[in-house]
Amino acid sequence: MDLQQFFPYRLAVLAEAVSRAIADVYGERFDLTRDEWRVLAALAGGPMRTGDVIAHTTLDKMQVSRAVNRLEAHGLVGREQVAGDRRARVLRLTPAGRALFRRIAPLARAREAFLLDALDADERRVLDRAIDKLRERARLLAQTG
């Protein structure tokens, strides 16, 4: 097997390169880790339980916990207990967290646009469809073991 031509490897290399290119925005300028950025971006859509943050970010429970703890320590995220469930917590951005997200999002979107400008409109549509199809196939493989 030629690793350089193995689809999962090529996809992982691409994902890492894209992630690093975007990470420059929130890492160097705003001192956020990749995990913290993902949690911040997930919560920008509105409050959610920790389990929902895990599902939205593809991070595991420990990664989300660490990111939330650091974001909370910096006053960017707050936690509230769910009525009737002593263990469950709802996470939400604080006003400072929303303001930070509003500063970072346009910069991240600009980098995303730069990357996608390499593709014409038809290529983008094909890429979107291909990603959706491959994600569904991966989900099926995960179900069958």
C-alpha atoms as a PDB file:
ATOM      1  CA  MET A   1       0.000   0.000   0.000  1.00  0.00           C
ATOM      2  CA  ASP A   2       1.246   3.461  -0.920  1.00  0.00           C
ATOM      3  CA  LEU A   3       0.382   5.604   2.085  1.00  0.00           C
ATOM      4  CA  GLN A   4       0.625   8.778   0.026  1.00  0.00           C
ATOM      5  CA  GLN A   5      -2.245   7.527  -2.164  1.00  0.00           C
ATOM      6  CA  PHE A   6      -4.337   5.993   0.657  1.00  0.00           C
ATOM      7  CA  PHE A   7      -7.544   8.038   0.824  1.00  0.00           C
ATOM      8  CA  PRO A   8      -7.872   8.226   4.653  1.00  0.00           C
ATOM      9  CA  TYR A   9      -4.265   9.393   4.925  1.00  0.00           C
ATOM     10  CA  ARG A  10      -4.675  12.019   2.197  1.00  0.00           C
ATOM     11  CA  LEU A  11      -7.848  13.276   3.850  1.00  0.00           C
ATOM     12  CA  ALA A  12      -6.144  13.457   7.256  1.00  0.00           C
ATOM     13  CA  VAL A  13      -3.235  15.411   5.774  1.00  0.00           C
ATOM     14  CA  LEU A  14      -5.641  17.836   4.088  1.00  0.00           C
ATOM     15  CA  ALA A  15      -7.704  18.252   7.264  1.00  0.00           C
ATOM     16  CA  GLU A  16      -4.580  18.961   9.293  1.00  0.00           C
ATOM     17  CA  ALA A  17      -3.280  21.497   6.753  1.00  0.00           C
ATOM     18  CA  VAL A  18      -6.627  23.321   6.650  1.00  0.00           C
ATOM     19  CA  SER A  19      -6.933  23.218  10.433  1.00  0.00           C
ATOM     20  CA  ARG A  20      -3.458  24.725  10.847  1.00  0.00           C
ATOM     21  CA  ALA A  21      -4.203  27.451   8.310  1.00  0.00           C
ATOM     22  CA  ILE A  22      -7.321  28.475  10.216  1.00  0.00           C
ATOM     23  CA  ALA A  23      -5.674  27.983  13.627  1.00  0.00           C
ATOM     24  CA  ASP A  24      -3.326  30.887  12.941  1.00  0.00           C
ATOM     25  CA  VAL A  25      -6.334  33.193  13.263  1.00  0.00           C
ATOM     26  CA  TYR A  26      -7.600  32.094  16.661  1.00  0.00           C
ATOM     27  CA  GLY A  27      -4.352  30.683  18.052  1.00  0.00           C
ATOM     28  CA  GLU A  28      -1.772  33.379  17.592  1.00  0.00           C
ATOM     29  CA  ARG A  29      -4.076  36.389  17.647  1.00  0.00           C
ATOM     30  CA  PHE A  30      -6.534  35.303  20.338  1.00  0.00           C
ATOM     31  CA  ASP A  31      -4.660  32.614  22.325  1.00  0.00           C
ATOM     32  CA  LEU A  32      -7.285  29.917  21.767  1.00  0.00           C
ATOM     33  CA  THR A  33      -6.609  26.253  21.139  1.00  0.00           C
ATOM     34  CA  ARG A  34      -8.327  24.373  18.335  1.00  0.00           C
ATOM     35  CA  ASP A  35     -10.619  22.695  20.871  1.00  0.00           C
ATOM     36  CA  GLU A  36     -11.514  26.013  22.506  1.00  0.00           C
ATOM     37  CA  TRP A  37     -12.310  27.535  19.121  1.00  0.00           C
ATOM     38  CA  ARG A  38     -14.561  24.606  18.237  1.00  0.00           C
ATOM     39  CA  VAL A  39     -16.465  24.911  21.528  1.00  0.00           C
ATOM     40  CA  LEU A  40     -16.755  28.683  21.112  1.00  0.00           C
ATOM     41  CA  ALA A  41     -18.037  28.278  17.545  1.00  0.00           C
ATOM     42  CA  ALA A  42     -20.507  25.559  18.554  1.00  0.00           C
ATOM     43  CA  LEU A  43     -21.919  27.714  21.353  1.00  0.00           C
ATOM     44  CA  ALA A  44     -22.202  30.710  19.028  1.00  0.00           C
ATOM     45  CA  GLY A  45     -25.276  28.950  17.655  1.00  0.00           C
ATOM     46  CA  GLY A  46     -26.900  29.075  21.079  1.00  0.00           C
ATOM     47  CA  PRO A  47     -26.763  27.381  24.476  1.00  0.00           C
ATOM     48  CA  MET A  48     -26.371  23.613  24.531  1.00  0.00           C
ATOM     49  CA  ARG A  49     -25.694  20.732  26.842  1.00  0.00           C
ATOM     50  CA  THR A  50     -22.192  19.330  27.029  1.00  0.00           C
ATOM     51  CA  GLY A  51     -23.227  16.222  25.093  1.00  0.00           C
ATOM     52  CA  ASP A  52     -24.488  18.376  22.245  1.00  0.00           C
ATOM     53  CA  VAL A  53     -21.192  20.287  22.187  1.00  0.00           C
ATOM     54  CA  ILE A  54     -19.376  16.944  21.916  1.00  0.00           C
ATOM     55  CA  ALA A  55     -21.571  15.949  18.954  1.00  0.00           C
ATOM     56  CA  HIS A  56     -21.161  19.318  17.195  1.00  0.00           C
ATOM     57  CA  THR A  57     -17.399  19.507  17.580  1.00  0.00           C
ATOM     58  CA  THR A  58     -16.274  15.872  17.150  1.00  0.00           C
ATOM     59  CA  LEU A  59     -14.232  16.346  20.315  1.00  0.00           C
ATOM     60  CA  ASP A  60     -14.339  13.787  23.092  1.00  0.00           C
ATOM     61  CA  LYS A  61     -15.702  14.454  26.563  1.00  0.00           C
ATOM     62  CA  MET A  62     -12.298  15.225  28.094  1.00  0.00           C
ATOM     63  CA  GLN A  63     -11.328  17.636  25.292  1.00  0.00           C
ATOM     64  CA  VAL A  64     -14.616  19.506  25.677  1.00  0.00           C
ATOM     65  CA  SER A  65     -14.244  19.577  29.453  1.00  0.00           C
ATOM     66  CA  ARG A  66     -10.742  21.056  29.277  1.00  0.00           C
ATOM     67  CA  ALA A  67     -11.770  23.610  26.650  1.00  0.00           C
ATOM     68  CA  VAL A  68     -14.865  24.651  28.608  1.00  0.00           C
ATOM     69  CA  ASN A  69     -12.862  24.970  31.839  1.00  0.00           C
ATOM     70  CA  ARG A  70     -10.353  27.287  30.176  1.00  0.00           C
ATOM     71  CA  LEU A  71     -13.030  29.311  28.369  1.00  0.00           C
ATOM     72  CA  GLU A  72     -14.953  29.633  31.626  1.00  0.00           C
ATOM     73  CA  ALA A  73     -11.810  30.727  33.481  1.00  0.00           C
ATOM     74  CA  HIS A  74     -11.405  33.501  30.895  1.00  0.00           C
ATOM     75  CA  GLY A  75     -15.019  34.594  31.255  1.00  0.00           C
ATOM     76  CA  LEU A  76     -16.036  33.463  27.773  1.00  0.00           C
ATOM     77  CA  VAL A  77     -18.404  30.607  28.671  1.00  0.00           C
ATOM     78  CA  GLY A  78     -20.874  30.101  31.489  1.00  0.00           C
ATOM     79  CA  ARG A  79     -22.555  26.956  32.812  1.00  0.00           C
ATOM     80  CA  GLU A  80     -26.040  26.614  34.205  1.00  0.00           C
ATOM     81  CA  GLN A  81     -27.616  23.643  35.893  1.00  0.00           C
ATOM     82  CA  VAL A  82     -30.553  22.070  34.073  1.00  0.00           C
ATOM     83  CA  ALA A  83     -33.749  22.167  36.128  1.00  0.00           C
ATOM     84  CA  GLY A  84     -34.575  18.694  37.368  1.00  0.00           C
ATOM     85  CA  ASP A  85     -31.182  17.208  36.489  1.00  0.00           C
ATOM     86  CA  ARG A  86     -28.431  17.897  39.011  1.00  0.00           C
ATOM     87  CA  ARG A  87     -25.687  16.496  36.787  1.00  0.00           C
ATOM     88  CA  ALA A  88     -26.603  18.146  33.484  1.00  0.00           C
ATOM     89  CA  ARG A  89     -25.280  21.572  32.555  1.00  0.00           C
ATOM     90  CA  VAL A  90     -26.148  23.959  29.779  1.00  0.00           C
ATOM     91  CA  LEU A  91     -23.234  25.888  28.343  1.00  0.00           C
ATOM     92  CA  ARG A  92     -23.585  29.334  26.828  1.00  0.00           C
ATOM     93  CA  LEU A  93     -21.333  32.105  25.632  1.00  0.00           C
ATOM     94  CA  THR A  94     -21.016  35.106  27.899  1.00  0.00           C
ATOM     95  CA  PRO A  95     -21.191  38.566  26.321  1.00  0.00           C
ATOM     96  CA  ALA A  96     -17.379  38.519  26.180  1.00  0.00           C
ATOM     97  CA  GLY A  97     -17.481  35.117  24.483  1.00  0.00           C
ATOM     98  CA  ARG A  98     -19.976  36.353  21.882  1.00  0.00           C
ATOM     99  CA  ALA A  99     -17.852  39.434  21.244  1.00  0.00           C
ATOM    100  CA  LEU A 100     -14.732  37.304  20.789  1.00  0.00           C
ATOM    101  CA  PHE A 101     -16.545  34.977  18.402  1.00  0.00           C
ATOM    102  CA  ARG A 102     -17.753  37.978  16.364  1.00  0.00           C
ATOM    103  CA  ARG A 103     -14.143  39.163  16.069  1.00  0.00           C
ATOM    104  CA  ILE A 104     -12.728  35.779  15.039  1.00  0.00           C
ATOM    105  CA  ALA A 105     -15.469  34.439  12.743  1.00  0.00           C
ATOM    106  CA  PRO A 106     -14.916  36.885   9.846  1.00  0.00           C
ATOM    107  CA  LEU A 107     -11.185  36.179   9.917  1.00  0.00           C
ATOM    108  CA  ALA A 108     -11.753  32.408   9.867  1.00  0.00           C
ATOM    109  CA  ARG A 109     -14.339  32.790   7.093  1.00  0.00           C
ATOM    110  CA  ALA A 110     -11.852  34.821   5.043  1.00  0.00           C
ATOM    111  CA  ARG A 111      -9.333  31.994   5.277  1.00  0.00           C
ATOM    112  CA  GLU A 112     -12.024  29.488   4.381  1.00  0.00           C
ATOM    113  CA  ALA A 113     -12.940  31.621   1.343  1.00  0.00           C
ATOM    114  CA  PHE A 114      -9.310  31.794   0.266  1.00  0.00           C
ATOM    115  CA  LEU A 115      -9.033  28.004   0.377  1.00  0.00           C
ATOM    116  CA  LEU A 116     -12.303  27.454  -1.477  1.00  0.00           C
ATOM    117  CA  ASP A 117     -11.434  30.051  -4.115  1.00  0.00           C
ATOM    118  CA  ALA A 118      -9.185  27.354  -5.597  1.00  0.00           C
ATOM    119  CA  LEU A 119     -12.417  25.682  -6.789  1.00  0.00           C
ATOM    120  CA  ASP A 120     -14.978  26.966  -9.227  1.00  0.00           C
ATOM    121  CA  ALA A 121     -18.691  26.843  -8.356  1.00  0.00           C
ATOM    122  CA  ASP A 122     -19.229  23.417  -9.950  1.00  0.00           C
ATOM    123  CA  GLU A 123     -16.223  21.962  -8.126  1.00  0.00           C
ATOM    124  CA  ARG A 124     -17.542  23.315  -4.828  1.00  0.00           C
ATOM    125  CA  ARG A 125     -20.927  21.677  -5.399  1.00  0.00           C
ATOM    126  CA  VAL A 126     -19.224  18.384  -6.269  1.00  0.00           C
ATOM    127  CA  LEU A 127     -17.019  18.652  -3.199  1.00  0.00           C
ATOM    128  CA  ASP A 128     -20.004  19.303  -0.934  1.00  0.00           C
ATOM    129  CA  ARG A 129     -21.876  16.315  -2.358  1.00  0.00           C
ATOM    130  CA  ALA A 130     -18.800  14.107  -2.115  1.00  0.00           C
ATOM    131  CA  ILE A 131     -18.194  15.068   1.506  1.00  0.00           C
ATOM    132  CA  ASP A 132     -21.813  14.304   2.386  1.00  0.00           C
ATOM    133  CA  LYS A 133     -21.698  10.927   0.633  1.00  0.00           C
ATOM    134  CA  LEU A 134     -18.402   9.941   2.232  1.00  0.00           C
ATOM    135  CA  ARG A 135     -19.594  10.993   5.690  1.00  0.00           C
ATOM    136  CA  GLU A 136     -22.672   8.809   5.262  1.00  0.00           C
ATOM    137  CA  ARG A 137     -20.542   5.850   4.137  1.00  0.00           C
ATOM    138  CA  ALA A 138     -18.246   6.327   7.129  1.00  0.00           C
ATOM    139  CA  ARG A 139     -21.298   6.390   9.391  1.00  0.00           C
ATOM    140  CA  LEU A 140     -22.496   3.108   7.854  1.00  0.00           C
ATOM    141  CA  LEU A 141     -19.084   1.512   8.348  1.00  0.00           C
ATOM    142  CA  ALA A 142     -19.035   2.649  11.983  1.00  0.00           C
ATOM    143  CA  GLN A 143     -22.458   1.066  12.535  1.00  0.00           C
ATOM    144  CA  THR A 144     -21.441  -2.293  11.078  1.00  0.00           C
ATOM    145  CA  GLY A 145     -18.116  -2.370  12.867  1.00  0.00           C
END
